[in-house]
Structures are given as C-alpha cells and as structure tokens.
Amino acid sequence: MEFINDEYASWDLTYNMNGLILNSIPLIKKLKWREVVTFRGLFGNLTNKNNPYLTERNEGLFQFPEGSYIMDKKVPYMEMGVGIENIFKFIRVDYTWRLSYKNHPGIQDRGIRIQMKMTF
C-alpha cells in the first residue's frame, strides 16, 4: 500500500543458480538447497480521474492512507534480493534490499522475505 497506481507494468526476474555455490559445501549439498537472485520492479501511474489530491475531480474519491505515495513516472520502484529455496522442499527465504525510493519516511530499505513455494 505504499504506492498507489491505476496503471502499471511490473517485472520479476529470477535467476536460479541450481546449487552453483551451495553444492560446493558437502553437508549443504545433501539438503539440495538452491540459490536464487531476484530483481523486481514496477513502473506506475495514477490517472487524474482517480487522484483525490486534484481538487477539481475529487468528488466521490476516498483519500489515500497516510504513508501512500504516487510514483514518479520517470523513476521505477526497484528491489534486488538473494535467497535460498527448496528448504523442506517448499520454503524460500530471501534477503531483499530496495534500490529506489529509499527517502520515504518510515520505510525499511532491507528485509527478509519468507515464502512457501512449490518448485518441481
């Protein structure tokens, strides 16, 4: 809910390293954990008809929650991460850091993301 958009394009690139690093560690190799590198992003726009900040068109529109922002059309939101998947065959843990929009108050620019993901 940090960014409010009604038009957007996003991407999620994931490079599966298939044990390139972890297979060199004997005990970890038996666990069959796999490394991943991710790059995610979002270009977005809020059209004038849905923007409650414009005084001439805000009739009937709800105000945005505090801490929400309208994205700059020229600057995409981007984040990058590294992680390990195939933990117990369905858990993935990523360490993610933000590459843009780091100046917003109260945001965390780094964090851990845990997912339940089936990979075959």
PDB file of N, CA and C in Angstrom:
ATOM      1  N   MET A   1       0.819  -1.205   0.000  1.00  0.00           N
ATOM      2  CA  MET A   1       0.000   0.000   0.000  1.00  0.00           C
ATOM      3  C   MET A   1       0.861   1.265   0.000  1.00  0.00           C
ATOM      4  N   GLU A   2       2.146   1.119  -0.254  1.00  0.00           N
ATOM      5  CA  GLU A   2       2.987   2.318  -0.264  1.00  0.00           C
ATOM      6  C   GLU A   2       2.756   3.157  -1.516  1.00  0.00           C
ATOM      7  N   PHE A   3       2.591   2.514  -2.660  1.00  0.00           N
ATOM      8  CA  PHE A   3       2.395   3.226  -3.918  1.00  0.00           C
ATOM      9  C   PHE A   3       0.979   3.000  -4.427  1.00  0.00           C
ATOM     10  N   ILE A   4       0.358   4.070  -4.880  1.00  0.00           N
ATOM     11  CA  ILE A   4      -0.994   3.995  -5.414  1.00  0.00           C
ATOM     12  C   ILE A   4      -0.905   4.205  -6.923  1.00  0.00           C
ATOM     13  N   ASN A   5      -1.322   3.201  -7.685  1.00  0.00           N
ATOM     14  CA  ASN A   5      -1.303   3.261  -9.144  1.00  0.00           C
ATOM     15  C   ASN A   5      -2.595   2.673  -9.682  1.00  0.00           C
ATOM     16  N   ASP A   6      -3.038   3.177 -10.809  1.00  0.00           N
ATOM     17  CA  ASP A   6      -4.127   2.508 -11.513  1.00  0.00           C
ATOM     18  C   ASP A   6      -3.683   2.051 -12.904  1.00  0.00           C
ATOM     19  N   GLU A   7      -2.485   2.398 -13.281  1.00  0.00           N
ATOM     20  CA  GLU A   7      -1.844   1.882 -14.491  1.00  0.00           C
ATOM     21  C   GLU A   7      -0.422   1.505 -14.098  1.00  0.00           C
ATOM     22  N   TYR A   8      -0.013   0.296 -14.433  1.00  0.00           N
ATOM     23  CA  TYR A   8       1.339  -0.098 -14.051  1.00  0.00           C
ATOM     24  C   TYR A   8       1.842  -1.240 -14.934  1.00  0.00           C
ATOM     25  N   ALA A   9       3.153  -1.380 -14.920  1.00  0.00           N
ATOM     26  CA  ALA A   9       3.826  -2.516 -15.546  1.00  0.00           C
ATOM     27  C   ALA A   9       4.882  -2.974 -14.556  1.00  0.00           C
ATOM     28  N   SER A  10       4.928  -4.264 -14.314  1.00  0.00           N
ATOM     29  CA  SER A  10       5.890  -4.780 -13.333  1.00  0.00           C
ATOM     30  C   SER A  10       6.707  -5.904 -13.946  1.00  0.00           C
ATOM     31  N   TRP A  11       7.834  -6.194 -13.317  1.00  0.00           N
ATOM     32  CA  TRP A  11       8.666  -7.306 -13.736  1.00  0.00           C
ATOM     33  C   TRP A  11       9.214  -8.022 -12.509  1.00  0.00           C
ATOM     34  N   ASP A  12       9.503  -9.279 -12.686  1.00  0.00           N
ATOM     35  CA  ASP A  12      10.069 -10.122 -11.630  1.00  0.00           C
ATOM     36  C   ASP A  12      11.027 -11.105 -12.305  1.00  0.00           C
ATOM     37  N   LEU A  13      12.296 -10.772 -12.289  1.00  0.00           N
ATOM     38  CA  LEU A  13      13.317 -11.623 -12.892  1.00  0.00           C
ATOM     39  C   LEU A  13      13.970 -12.453 -11.798  1.00  0.00           C
ATOM     40  N   THR A  14      14.039 -13.756 -11.996  1.00  0.00           N
ATOM     41  CA  THR A  14      14.649 -14.652 -11.023  1.00  0.00           C
ATOM     42  C   THR A  14      15.677 -15.518 -11.737  1.00  0.00           C
ATOM     43  N   TYR A  15      16.889 -15.523 -11.187  1.00  0.00           N
ATOM     44  CA  TYR A  15      17.945 -16.381 -11.717  1.00  0.00           C
ATOM     45  C   TYR A  15      18.156 -17.513 -10.721  1.00  0.00           C
ATOM     46  N   ASN A  16      17.847 -18.729 -11.121  1.00  0.00           N
ATOM     47  CA  ASN A  16      18.049 -19.902 -10.277  1.00  0.00           C
ATOM     48  C   ASN A  16      19.454 -20.435 -10.520  1.00  0.00           C
ATOM     49  N   MET A  17      20.274 -20.427  -9.507  1.00  0.00           N
ATOM     50  CA  MET A  17      21.673 -20.830  -9.653  1.00  0.00           C
ATOM     51  C   MET A  17      21.848 -22.348  -9.535  1.00  0.00           C
ATOM     52  N   ASN A  18      20.802 -23.064  -9.158  1.00  0.00           N
ATOM     53  CA  ASN A  18      20.804 -24.526  -9.111  1.00  0.00           C
ATOM     54  C   ASN A  18      21.983 -25.117  -8.345  1.00  0.00           C
ATOM     55  N   GLY A  19      22.310 -24.521  -7.218  1.00  0.00           N
ATOM     56  CA  GLY A  19      23.343 -25.083  -6.358  1.00  0.00           C
ATOM     57  C   GLY A  19      24.762 -24.728  -6.743  1.00  0.00           C
ATOM     58  N   LEU A  20      24.956 -23.727  -7.567  1.00  0.00           N
ATOM     59  CA  LEU A  20      26.288 -23.348  -8.028  1.00  0.00           C
ATOM     60  C   LEU A  20      27.257 -23.098  -6.869  1.00  0.00           C
ATOM     61  N   ILE A  21      26.805 -22.422  -5.837  1.00  0.00           N
ATOM     62  CA  ILE A  21      27.658 -22.134  -4.679  1.00  0.00           C
ATOM     63  C   ILE A  21      27.452 -23.161  -3.579  1.00  0.00           C
ATOM     64  N   LEU A  22      26.207 -23.465  -3.239  1.00  0.00           N
ATOM     65  CA  LEU A  22      25.922 -24.338  -2.103  1.00  0.00           C
ATOM     66  C   LEU A  22      26.320 -25.792  -2.348  1.00  0.00           C
ATOM     67  N   ASN A  23      26.401 -26.236  -3.594  1.00  0.00           N
ATOM     68  CA  ASN A  23      26.815 -27.618  -3.856  1.00  0.00           C
ATOM     69  C   ASN A  23      28.296 -27.854  -3.561  1.00  0.00           C
ATOM     70  N   SER A  24      29.058 -26.799  -3.369  1.00  0.00           N
ATOM     71  CA  SER A  24      30.471 -26.969  -3.018  1.00  0.00           C
ATOM     72  C   SER A  24      30.657 -27.221  -1.520  1.00  0.00           C
ATOM     73  N   ILE A  25      29.602 -27.103  -0.740  1.00  0.00           N
ATOM     74  CA  ILE A  25      29.649 -27.388   0.705  1.00  0.00           C
ATOM     75  C   ILE A  25      29.010 -28.757   0.912  1.00  0.00           C
ATOM     76  N   PRO A  26      29.786 -29.771   1.323  1.00  0.00           N
ATOM     77  CA  PRO A  26      29.291 -31.154   1.340  1.00  0.00           C
ATOM     78  C   PRO A  26      27.985 -31.373   2.103  1.00  0.00           C
ATOM     79  N   LEU A  27      27.852 -30.888   3.321  1.00  0.00           N
ATOM     80  CA  LEU A  27      26.628 -31.140   4.090  1.00  0.00           C
ATOM     81  C   LEU A  27      25.420 -30.404   3.511  1.00  0.00           C
ATOM     82  N   ILE A  28      25.633 -29.221   2.975  1.00  0.00           N
ATOM     83  CA  ILE A  28      24.546 -28.460   2.369  1.00  0.00           C
ATOM     84  C   ILE A  28      24.109 -29.107   1.056  1.00  0.00           C
ATOM     85  N   LYS A  29      25.045 -29.722   0.349  1.00  0.00           N
ATOM     86  CA  LYS A  29      24.712 -30.370  -0.922  1.00  0.00           C
ATOM     87  C   LYS A  29      23.660 -31.465  -0.731  1.00  0.00           C
ATOM     88  N   LYS A  30      23.731 -32.176   0.387  1.00  0.00           N
ATOM     89  CA  LYS A  30      22.746 -33.229   0.658  1.00  0.00           C
ATOM     90  C   LYS A  30      21.342 -32.667   0.900  1.00  0.00           C
ATOM     91  N   LEU A  31      21.251 -31.434   1.367  1.00  0.00           N
ATOM     92  CA  LEU A  31      19.950 -30.806   1.607  1.00  0.00           C
ATOM     93  C   LEU A  31      19.284 -30.362   0.301  1.00  0.00           C
ATOM     94  N   LYS A  32      20.059 -30.247  -0.765  1.00  0.00           N
ATOM     95  CA  LYS A  32      19.578 -29.830  -2.089  1.00  0.00           C
ATOM     96  C   LYS A  32      18.978 -28.419  -2.083  1.00  0.00           C
ATOM     97  N   TRP A  33      19.568 -27.535  -1.266  1.00  0.00           N
ATOM     98  CA  TRP A  33      19.161 -26.141  -1.289  1.00  0.00           C
ATOM     99  C   TRP A  33      19.682 -25.486  -2.557  1.00  0.00           C
ATOM    100  N   ARG A  34      18.974 -24.497  -3.053  1.00  0.00           N
ATOM    101  CA  ARG A  34      19.338 -23.807  -4.280  1.00  0.00           C
ATOM    102  C   ARG A  34      19.360 -22.302  -4.045  1.00  0.00           C
ATOM    103  N   GLU A  35      20.355 -21.641  -4.647  1.00  0.00           N
ATOM    104  CA  GLU A  35      20.470 -20.191  -4.537  1.00  0.00           C
ATOM    105  C   GLU A  35      19.638 -19.528  -5.626  1.00  0.00           C
ATOM    106  N   VAL A  36      19.104 -18.354  -5.304  1.00  0.00           N
ATOM    107  CA  VAL A  36      18.367 -17.551  -6.278  1.00  0.00           C
ATOM    108  C   VAL A  36      18.780 -16.086  -6.130  1.00  0.00           C
ATOM    109  N   VAL A  37      18.754 -15.390  -7.246  1.00  0.00           N
ATOM    110  CA  VAL A  37      18.971 -13.946  -7.276  1.00  0.00           C
ATOM    111  C   VAL A  37      17.754 -13.349  -7.967  1.00  0.00           C
ATOM    112  N   THR A  38      17.160 -12.317  -7.381  1.00  0.00           N
ATOM    113  CA  THR A  38      15.942 -11.726  -7.942  1.00  0.00           C
ATOM    114  C   THR A  38      16.127 -10.235  -8.194  1.00  0.00           C
ATOM    115  N   PHE A  39      15.389  -9.754  -9.169  1.00  0.00           N
ATOM    116  CA  PHE A  39      15.332  -8.331  -9.475  1.00  0.00           C
ATOM    117  C   PHE A  39      13.883  -8.021  -9.830  1.00  0.00           C
ATOM    118  N   ARG A  40      13.249  -7.193  -9.011  1.00  0.00           N
ATOM    119  CA  ARG A  40      11.837  -6.862  -9.204  1.00  0.00           C
ATOM    120  C   ARG A  40      11.682  -5.362  -9.391  1.00  0.00           C
ATOM    121  N   GLY A  41      10.647  -4.993 -10.118  1.00  0.00           N
ATOM    122  CA  GLY A  41      10.419  -3.575 -10.319  1.00  0.00           C
ATOM    123  C   GLY A  41       9.001  -3.275 -10.740  1.00  0.00           C
ATOM    124  N   LEU A  42       8.680  -1.979 -10.715  1.00  0.00           N
ATOM    125  CA  LEU A  42       7.337  -1.533 -11.030  1.00  0.00           C
ATOM    126  C   LEU A  42       7.391  -0.101 -11.550  1.00  0.00           C
ATOM    127  N   PHE A  43       6.837   0.112 -12.738  1.00  0.00           N
ATOM    128  CA  PHE A  43       6.555   1.451 -13.248  1.00  0.00           C
ATOM    129  C   PHE A  43       5.082   1.685 -13.018  1.00  0.00           C
ATOM    130  N   GLY A  44       4.718   2.847 -12.509  1.00  0.00           N
ATOM    131  CA  GLY A  44       3.310   3.078 -12.257  1.00  0.00           C
ATOM    132  C   GLY A  44       2.885   4.511 -12.495  1.00  0.00           C
ATOM    133  N   ASN A  45       1.578   4.671 -12.593  1.00  0.00           N
ATOM    134  CA  ASN A  45       0.990   5.971 -12.857  1.00  0.00           C
ATOM    135  C   ASN A  45      -0.402   6.000 -12.234  1.00  0.00           C
ATOM    136  N   LEU A  46      -0.781   7.154 -11.739  1.00  0.00           N
ATOM    137  CA  LEU A  46      -2.141   7.368 -11.248  1.00  0.00           C
ATOM    138  C   LEU A  46      -2.796   8.400 -12.158  1.00  0.00           C
ATOM    139  N   THR A  47      -3.866   7.997 -12.818  1.00  0.00           N
ATOM    140  CA  THR A  47      -4.543   8.924 -13.727  1.00  0.00           C
ATOM    141  C   THR A  47      -5.284   9.997 -12.927  1.00  0.00           C
ATOM    142  N   ASN A  48      -5.539  11.108 -13.570  1.00  0.00           N
ATOM    143  CA  ASN A  48      -6.186  12.244 -12.906  1.00  0.00           C
ATOM    144  C   ASN A  48      -7.586  11.915 -12.399  1.00  0.00           C
ATOM    145  N   LYS A  49      -8.303  11.047 -13.096  1.00  0.00           N
ATOM    146  CA  LYS A  49      -9.678  10.743 -12.671  1.00  0.00           C
ATOM    147  C   LYS A  49      -9.727   9.977 -11.348  1.00  0.00           C
ATOM    148  N   ASN A  50      -8.631   9.349 -10.940  1.00  0.00           N
ATOM    149  CA  ASN A  50      -8.577   8.599  -9.681  1.00  0.00           C
ATOM    150  C   ASN A  50      -7.702   9.258  -8.624  1.00  0.00           C
ATOM    151  N   ASN A  51      -7.289  10.474  -8.843  1.00  0.00           N
ATOM    152  CA  ASN A  51      -6.392  11.164  -7.919  1.00  0.00           C
ATOM    153  C   ASN A  51      -7.186  12.097  -7.005  1.00  0.00           C
ATOM    154  N   PRO A  52      -7.321  11.763  -5.722  1.00  0.00           N
ATOM    155  CA  PRO A  52      -8.103  12.614  -4.817  1.00  0.00           C
ATOM    156  C   PRO A  52      -7.394  13.914  -4.448  1.00  0.00           C
ATOM    157  N   TYR A  53      -6.102  14.043  -4.777  1.00  0.00           N
ATOM    158  CA  TYR A  53      -5.377  15.275  -4.464  1.00  0.00           C
ATOM    159  C   TYR A  53      -5.721  16.405  -5.429  1.00  0.00           C
ATOM    160  N   LEU A  54      -6.314  16.093  -6.567  1.00  0.00           N
ATOM    161  CA  LEU A  54      -6.728  17.125  -7.509  1.00  0.00           C
ATOM    162  C   LEU A  54      -8.090  17.660  -7.079  1.00  0.00           C
ATOM    163  N   THR A  55      -8.162  18.919  -6.766  1.00  0.00           N
ATOM    164  CA  THR A  55      -9.376  19.480  -6.178  1.00  0.00           C
ATOM    165  C   THR A  55     -10.563  19.492  -7.132  1.00  0.00           C
ATOM    166  N   GLU A  56     -10.320  19.607  -8.421  1.00  0.00           N
ATOM    167  CA  GLU A  56     -11.451  19.684  -9.341  1.00  0.00           C
ATOM    168  C   GLU A  56     -12.098  18.334  -9.615  1.00  0.00           C
ATOM    169  N   ARG A  57     -11.459  17.218  -9.234  1.00  0.00           N
ATOM    170  CA  ARG A  57     -12.015  15.901  -9.574  1.00  0.00           C
ATOM    171  C   ARG A  57     -12.118  14.960  -8.375  1.00  0.00           C
ATOM    172  N   ASN A  58     -12.061  15.463  -7.191  1.00  0.00           N
ATOM    173  CA  ASN A  58     -12.012  14.555  -6.045  1.00  0.00           C
ATOM    174  C   ASN A  58     -13.369  14.201  -5.461  1.00  0.00           C
ATOM    175  N   GLU A  59     -14.453  14.564  -6.104  1.00  0.00           N
ATOM    176  CA  GLU A  59     -15.768  14.217  -5.585  1.00  0.00           C
ATOM    177  C   GLU A  59     -15.980  12.710  -5.654  1.00  0.00           C
ATOM    178  N   GLY A  60     -16.344  12.113  -4.541  1.00  0.00           N
ATOM    179  CA  GLY A  60     -16.626  10.686  -4.504  1.00  0.00           C
ATOM    180  C   GLY A  60     -15.396   9.807  -4.394  1.00  0.00           C
ATOM    181  N   LEU A  61     -14.207  10.383  -4.281  1.00  0.00           N
ATOM    182  CA  LEU A  61     -12.986   9.581  -4.160  1.00  0.00           C
ATOM    183  C   LEU A  61     -12.539   9.535  -2.704  1.00  0.00           C
ATOM    184  N   PHE A  62     -12.124   8.384  -2.256  1.00  0.00           N
ATOM    185  CA  PHE A  62     -11.582   8.233  -0.908  1.00  0.00           C
ATOM    186  C   PHE A  62     -10.165   8.794  -0.860  1.00  0.00           C
ATOM    187  N   GLN A  63      -9.791   9.317   0.280  1.00  0.00           N
ATOM    188  CA  GLN A  63      -8.422   9.778   0.480  1.00  0.00           C
ATOM    189  C   GLN A  63      -7.510   8.565   0.662  1.00  0.00           C
ATOM    190  N   PHE A  64      -6.271   8.695   0.231  1.00  0.00           N
ATOM    191  CA  PHE A  64      -5.316   7.602   0.362  1.00  0.00           C
ATOM    192  C   PHE A  64      -4.867   7.469   1.812  1.00  0.00           C
ATOM    193  N   PRO A  65      -4.488   6.254   2.220  1.00  0.00           N
ATOM    194  CA  PRO A  65      -3.965   6.078   3.579  1.00  0.00           C
ATOM    195  C   PRO A  65      -2.687   6.893   3.778  1.00  0.00           C
ATOM    196  N   GLU A  66      -2.453   7.287   4.999  1.00  0.00           N
ATOM    197  CA  GLU A  66      -1.232   8.013   5.312  1.00  0.00           C
ATOM    198  C   GLU A  66      -0.032   7.121   5.014  1.00  0.00           C
ATOM    199  N   GLY A  67       0.988   7.669   4.410  1.00  0.00           N
ATOM    200  CA  GLY A  67       2.163   6.892   4.038  1.00  0.00           C
ATOM    201  C   GLY A  67       2.094   6.328   2.626  1.00  0.00           C
ATOM    202  N   SER A  68       1.039   6.666   1.886  1.00  0.00           N
ATOM    203  CA  SER A  68       0.923   6.238   0.487  1.00  0.00           C
ATOM    204  C   SER A  68       1.488   7.332  -0.413  1.00  0.00           C
ATOM    205  N   TYR A  69       2.062   6.906  -1.527  1.00  0.00           N
ATOM    206  CA  TYR A  69       2.685   7.850  -2.443  1.00  0.00           C
ATOM    207  C   TYR A  69       2.242   7.574  -3.869  1.00  0.00           C
ATOM    208  N   ILE A  70       2.290   8.614  -4.686  1.00  0.00           N
ATOM    209  CA  ILE A  70       2.101   8.475  -6.124  1.00  0.00           C
ATOM    210  C   ILE A  70       3.489   8.391  -6.725  1.00  0.00           C
ATOM    211  N   MET A  71       3.717   7.406  -7.584  1.00  0.00           N
ATOM    212  CA  MET A  71       5.047   7.196  -8.153  1.00  0.00           C
ATOM    213  C   MET A  71       5.385   8.274  -9.178  1.00  0.00           C
ATOM    214  N   ASP A  72       6.652   8.584  -9.255  1.00  0.00           N
ATOM    215  CA  ASP A  72       7.170   9.439 -10.314  1.00  0.00           C
ATOM    216  C   ASP A  72       7.176   8.623 -11.601  1.00  0.00           C
ATOM    217  N   LYS A  73       6.642   9.169 -12.670  1.00  0.00           N
ATOM    218  CA  LYS A  73       6.538   8.425 -13.930  1.00  0.00           C
ATOM    219  C   LYS A  73       7.903   8.051 -14.505  1.00  0.00           C
ATOM    220  N   LYS A  74       8.947   8.750 -14.115  1.00  0.00           N
ATOM    221  CA  LYS A  74      10.276   8.517 -14.673  1.00  0.00           C
ATOM    222  C   LYS A  74      11.138   7.606 -13.817  1.00  0.00           C
ATOM    223  N   VAL A  75      10.727   7.349 -12.582  1.00  0.00           N
ATOM    224  CA  VAL A  75      11.546   6.553 -11.664  1.00  0.00           C
ATOM    225  C   VAL A  75      10.768   5.311 -11.243  1.00  0.00           C
ATOM    226  N   PRO A  76      11.209   4.120 -11.626  1.00  0.00           N
ATOM    227  CA  PRO A  76      10.505   2.909 -11.208  1.00  0.00           C
ATOM    228  C   PRO A  76      10.887   2.506  -9.790  1.00  0.00           C
ATOM    229  N   TYR A  77       9.989   1.763  -9.152  1.00  0.00           N
ATOM    230  CA  TYR A  77      10.352   1.118  -7.896  1.00  0.00           C
ATOM    231  C   TYR A  77      11.155  -0.125  -8.269  1.00  0.00           C
ATOM    232  N   MET A  78      12.313  -0.323  -7.619  1.00  0.00           N
ATOM    233  CA  MET A  78      13.158  -1.485  -7.909  1.00  0.00           C
ATOM    234  C   MET A  78      13.691  -2.068  -6.611  1.00  0.00           C
ATOM    235  N   GLU A  79      13.800  -3.387  -6.577  1.00  0.00           N
ATOM    236  CA  GLU A  79      14.418  -4.077  -5.454  1.00  0.00           C
ATOM    237  C   GLU A  79      15.187  -5.278  -5.972  1.00  0.00           C
ATOM    238  N   MET A  80      16.181  -5.687  -5.206  1.00  0.00           N
ATOM    239  CA  MET A  80      17.009  -6.827  -5.568  1.00  0.00           C
ATOM    240  C   MET A  80      17.106  -7.727  -4.352  1.00  0.00           C
ATOM    241  N   GLY A  81      17.306  -9.017  -4.588  1.00  0.00           N
ATOM    242  CA  GLY A  81      17.398  -9.941  -3.472  1.00  0.00           C
ATOM    243  C   GLY A  81      18.200 -11.180  -3.800  1.00  0.00           C
ATOM    244  N   VAL A  82      18.682 -11.801  -2.751  1.00  0.00           N
ATOM    245  CA  VAL A  82      19.346 -13.093  -2.853  1.00  0.00           C
ATOM    246  C   VAL A  82      18.653 -14.021  -1.868  1.00  0.00           C
ATOM    247  N   GLY A  83      18.596 -15.295  -2.207  1.00  0.00           N
ATOM    248  CA  GLY A  83      17.890 -16.199  -1.317  1.00  0.00           C
ATOM    249  C   GLY A  83      18.252 -17.644  -1.521  1.00  0.00           C
ATOM    250  N   ILE A  84      17.624 -18.461  -0.693  1.00  0.00           N
ATOM    251  CA  ILE A  84      17.783 -19.909  -0.739  1.00  0.00           C
ATOM    252  C   ILE A  84      16.387 -20.512  -0.821  1.00  0.00           C
ATOM    253  N   GLU A  85      16.208 -21.432  -1.771  1.00  0.00           N
ATOM    254  CA  GLU A  85      14.922 -22.112  -1.892  1.00  0.00           C
ATOM    255  C   GLU A  85      15.120 -23.607  -1.729  1.00  0.00           C
ATOM    256  N   ASN A  86      14.013 -24.319  -1.683  1.00  0.00           N
ATOM    257  CA  ASN A  86      13.980 -25.769  -1.519  1.00  0.00           C
ATOM    258  C   ASN A  86      14.279 -26.182  -0.073  1.00  0.00           C
ATOM    259  N   ILE A  87      14.006 -25.310   0.881  1.00  0.00           N
ATOM    260  CA  ILE A  87      14.147 -25.658   2.293  1.00  0.00           C
ATOM    261  C   ILE A  87      12.905 -26.446   2.671  1.00  0.00           C
ATOM    262  N   PHE A  88      13.061 -27.653   3.121  1.00  0.00           N
ATOM    263  CA  PHE A  88      11.959 -28.589   3.384  1.00  0.00           C
ATOM    264  C   PHE A  88      11.080 -28.775   2.148  1.00  0.00           C
ATOM    265  N   LYS A  89      11.657 -28.577   0.976  1.00  0.00           N
ATOM    266  CA  LYS A  89      11.003 -28.771  -0.336  1.00  0.00           C
ATOM    267  C   LYS A  89       9.995 -27.698  -0.709  1.00  0.00           C
ATOM    268  N   PHE A  90       9.656 -26.760   0.177  1.00  0.00           N
ATOM    269  CA  PHE A  90       8.655 -25.758  -0.203  1.00  0.00           C
ATOM    270  C   PHE A  90       8.875 -24.373   0.407  1.00  0.00           C
ATOM    271  N   ILE A  91       9.927 -24.135   1.171  1.00  0.00           N
ATOM    272  CA  ILE A  91      10.160 -22.829   1.789  1.00  0.00           C
ATOM    273  C   ILE A  91      11.307 -22.118   1.080  1.00  0.00           C
ATOM    274  N   ARG A  92      11.118 -20.836   0.872  1.00  0.00           N
ATOM    275  CA  ARG A  92      12.151 -19.988   0.271  1.00  0.00           C
ATOM    276  C   ARG A  92      12.369 -18.787   1.172  1.00  0.00           C
ATOM    277  N   VAL A  93      13.625 -18.440   1.430  1.00  0.00           N
ATOM    278  CA  VAL A  93      13.986 -17.292   2.260  1.00  0.00           C
ATOM    279  C   VAL A  93      14.840 -16.360   1.409  1.00  0.00           C
ATOM    280  N   ASP A  94      14.417 -15.084   1.317  1.00  0.00           N
ATOM    281  CA  ASP A  94      15.139 -14.072   0.542  1.00  0.00           C
ATOM    282  C   ASP A  94      15.557 -12.925   1.446  1.00  0.00           C
ATOM    283  N   TYR A  95      16.745 -12.397   1.183  1.00  0.00           N
ATOM    284  CA  TYR A  95      17.177 -11.136   1.770  1.00  0.00           C
ATOM    285  C   TYR A  95      17.041 -10.104   0.660  1.00  0.00           C
ATOM    286  N   THR A  96      16.193  -9.103   0.863  1.00  0.00           N
ATOM    287  CA  THR A  96      15.839  -8.153  -0.182  1.00  0.00           C
ATOM    288  C   THR A  96      16.234  -6.749   0.246  1.00  0.00           C
ATOM    289  N   TRP A  97      16.746  -5.962  -0.710  1.00  0.00           N
ATOM    290  CA  TRP A  97      17.030  -4.569  -0.439  1.00  0.00           C
ATOM    291  C   TRP A  97      16.471  -3.704  -1.561  1.00  0.00           C
ATOM    292  N   ARG A  98      16.038  -2.537  -1.163  1.00  0.00           N
ATOM    293  CA  ARG A  98      15.384  -1.578  -2.045  1.00  0.00           C
ATOM    294  C   ARG A  98      16.452  -0.775  -2.777  1.00  0.00           C
ATOM    295  N   LEU A  99      16.247  -0.566  -4.080  1.00  0.00           N
ATOM    296  CA  LEU A  99      17.192   0.196  -4.884  1.00  0.00           C
ATOM    297  C   LEU A  99      16.716   1.613  -5.178  1.00  0.00           C
ATOM    298  N   SER A 100      15.433   1.870  -5.079  1.00  0.00           N
ATOM    299  CA  SER A 100      14.901   3.211  -5.344  1.00  0.00           C
ATOM    300  C   SER A 100      13.855   3.557  -4.289  1.00  0.00           C
ATOM    301  N   TYR A 101      13.477   4.834  -4.261  1.00  0.00           N
ATOM    302  CA  TYR A 101      12.503   5.348  -3.278  1.00  0.00           C
ATOM    303  C   TYR A 101      12.943   5.042  -1.843  1.00  0.00           C
ATOM    304  N   LYS A 102      14.217   5.258  -1.571  1.00  0.00           N
ATOM    305  CA  LYS A 102      14.751   4.993  -0.236  1.00  0.00           C
ATOM    306  C   LYS A 102      14.567   6.178   0.712  1.00  0.00           C
ATOM    307  N   ASN A 103      14.101   7.311   0.191  1.00  0.00           N
ATOM    308  CA  ASN A 103      13.998   8.512   1.012  1.00  0.00           C
ATOM    309  C   ASN A 103      12.636   8.703   1.669  1.00  0.00           C
ATOM    310  N   HIS A 104      11.711   7.775   1.489  1.00  0.00           N
ATOM    311  CA  HIS A 104      10.402   7.910   2.125  1.00  0.00           C
ATOM    312  C   HIS A 104      10.527   7.675   3.632  1.00  0.00           C
ATOM    313  N   PRO A 105       9.867   8.496   4.445  1.00  0.00           N
ATOM    314  CA  PRO A 105       9.988   8.335   5.903  1.00  0.00           C
ATOM    315  C   PRO A 105       9.324   7.050   6.389  1.00  0.00           C
ATOM    316  N   GLY A 106       9.978   6.388   7.315  1.00  0.00           N
ATOM    317  CA  GLY A 106       9.404   5.213   7.959  1.00  0.00           C
ATOM    318  C   GLY A 106       9.493   3.921   7.174  1.00  0.00           C
ATOM    319  N   ILE A 107      10.208   3.889   6.063  1.00  0.00           N
ATOM    320  CA  ILE A 107      10.304   2.649   5.291  1.00  0.00           C
ATOM    321  C   ILE A 107      11.566   1.892   5.700  1.00  0.00           C
ATOM    322  N   GLN A 108      11.531   0.609   5.484  1.00  0.00           N
ATOM    323  CA  GLN A 108      12.723  -0.213   5.668  1.00  0.00           C
ATOM    324  C   GLN A 108      13.291  -0.493   4.292  1.00  0.00           C
ATOM    325  N   ASP A 109      14.584  -0.245   4.114  1.00  0.00           N
ATOM    326  CA  ASP A 109      15.161  -0.471   2.794  1.00  0.00           C
ATOM    327  C   ASP A 109      15.789  -1.852   2.653  1.00  0.00           C
ATOM    328  N   ARG A 110      15.763  -2.651   3.701  1.00  0.00           N
ATOM    329  CA  ARG A 110      16.258  -4.034   3.662  1.00  0.00           C
ATOM    330  C   ARG A 110      15.343  -4.904   4.508  1.00  0.00           C
ATOM    331  N   GLY A 111      15.267  -6.177   4.142  1.00  0.00           N
ATOM    332  CA  GLY A 111      14.419  -7.060   4.929  1.00  0.00           C
ATOM    333  C   GLY A 111      14.498  -8.494   4.478  1.00  0.00           C
ATOM    334  N   ILE A 112      13.886  -9.357   5.256  1.00  0.00           N
ATOM    335  CA  ILE A 112      13.849 -10.786   4.963  1.00  0.00           C
ATOM    336  C   ILE A 112      12.422 -11.138   4.557  1.00  0.00           C
ATOM    337  N   ARG A 113      12.319 -11.883   3.482  1.00  0.00           N
ATOM    338  CA  ARG A 113      11.021 -12.325   2.964  1.00  0.00           C
ATOM    339  C   ARG A 113      11.007 -13.847   2.979  1.00  0.00           C
ATOM    340  N   ILE A 114       9.987 -14.432   3.587  1.00  0.00           N
ATOM    341  CA  ILE A 114       9.847 -15.886   3.648  1.00  0.00           C
ATOM    342  C   ILE A 114       8.611 -16.273   2.842  1.00  0.00           C
ATOM    343  N   GLN A 115       8.784 -17.258   1.953  1.00  0.00           N
ATOM    344  CA  GLN A 115       7.687 -17.686   1.088  1.00  0.00           C
ATOM    345  C   GLN A 115       7.512 -19.186   1.176  1.00  0.00           C
ATOM    346  N   MET A 116       6.295 -19.612   0.997  1.00  0.00           N
ATOM    347  CA  MET A 116       6.016 -21.040   0.793  1.00  0.00           C
ATOM    348  C   MET A 116       5.821 -21.205  -0.700  1.00  0.00           C
ATOM    349  N   LYS A 117       6.698 -21.979  -1.332  1.00  0.00           N
ATOM    350  CA  LYS A 117       6.688 -22.070  -2.779  1.00  0.00           C
ATOM    351  C   LYS A 117       7.016 -23.483  -3.195  1.00  0.00           C
ATOM    352  N   MET A 118       6.142 -24.054  -4.001  1.00  0.00           N
ATOM    353  CA  MET A 118       6.378 -25.408  -4.532  1.00  0.00           C
ATOM    354  C   MET A 118       7.196 -25.286  -5.813  1.00  0.00           C
ATOM    355  N   THR A 119       8.334 -25.962  -5.838  1.00  0.00           N
ATOM    356  CA  THR A 119       9.199 -25.966  -7.011  1.00  0.00           C
ATOM    357  C   THR A 119       9.426 -27.395  -7.428  1.00  0.00           C
ATOM    358  N   PHE A 120       9.194 -27.663  -8.698  1.00  0.00           N
ATOM    359  CA  PHE A 120       9.372 -29.032  -9.199  1.00  0.00           C
ATOM    360  C   PHE A 120      10.493 -29.082 -10.190  1.00  0.00           C
TER     361      PHE A 120
END
